[in-house]
Amino acid sequence: MTDNLYFLFLDEIYTPNLNEFRNIIKDEIFNKIKHWHFGIAGTIFPASGVYDIYDKSRKIKNKYYSKQSNLIFHYVDTLNKKDAFSDLAKDPEKYCKYTLSLNSLVENSDFKYISSFVDKHELIKKYGVFDTNKKLVKIQKIGSNLFPKSPFLNYNLYLLCLKNIVVEFYNFISSRNISARGIIVAEARGEREDSELRQAFQKMYYYGVSSIQPTQLRRVILDLFIVPKTQNYVGTQITDMLIYPTYDTFVPNHNSRKDHFITFNSNLKRKFLNSGVKITP
């Protein structure tokens, strides 16, 4: 996996804010067994391998859904056999063959994988500030000035997750034997979410992150692009196939499904960049 340009395709799971805690008092937060989370995952593809993954995915789409002109792989919809994949509920044989094809696509593609999750309850337990009525009002400063004290309803969880992803991506590119650059691609999710993702990236882009100076970061990672789902980027769809099973396999304190058709066997674990999974705090 050697190239002079790499793409990092992002996808995310659950809500990138703390709004769920608006009407919950401190005791309920601290005593809740099942936690709420937010996460971002990314697959790193060499530019020279992007067409190969596109071609393989096109063949799968044409084989199973030739009548759908702009089919987008969607893991949860496939798992639940709904919407574009509702026919799978009535055809177990097709479901088995189709999901095996997706498994093969993921396992046999050339990429590296990283993910970053926030345990919202643990974050609040460690950094939350409460009023006299035991209502959450603020999140304390976390480490550097990238994460200042902030009202909890304005807290940008993208920043906490994206920081880990960007640092890993930067280190991966910097470790290449040749001079290389990176581009981040994320799928549009909504006006507020897209704005907060862009703000989180720009904050690191202009102020640096961890021990990486901003000039170093800008020299290696060229930009972040937020693209509409209709553009049908296969890289983001591969990430979509991985983030939910990652969450249920590696993130504790929540109800996990047992029917995933993507599982982290030895082949897939070899694609992890370092540990592959980071949980904050």
Foldseek 3Di string as FASTA:
>chain_A
DAAQEKEKEKDKDDDQADVVQQPPFQVCLVPAQFFDKIKMKIKIDHPVQQVVLVVLVVVLCCVLPVVDDQDAQAQVCLLVCDDVRVVCVVPVVSSVVSLVSLQCSLLPGDIAMAMEMEGVSVQCVVFFDADPRRGTFWGDADPDPLRHIDGRRPHGSLLVTVLVVLVLVLVVQVPHPDNHAYEYEYEDDDDVNVVSNQVSVVVCCQQNGDPGGNVSSCSHYVYYYYHYCSVRRVRNSSRSLPPLQCCQPPPDRHDHDDRRSHDCDPSNCVSYRVRRYHYHD
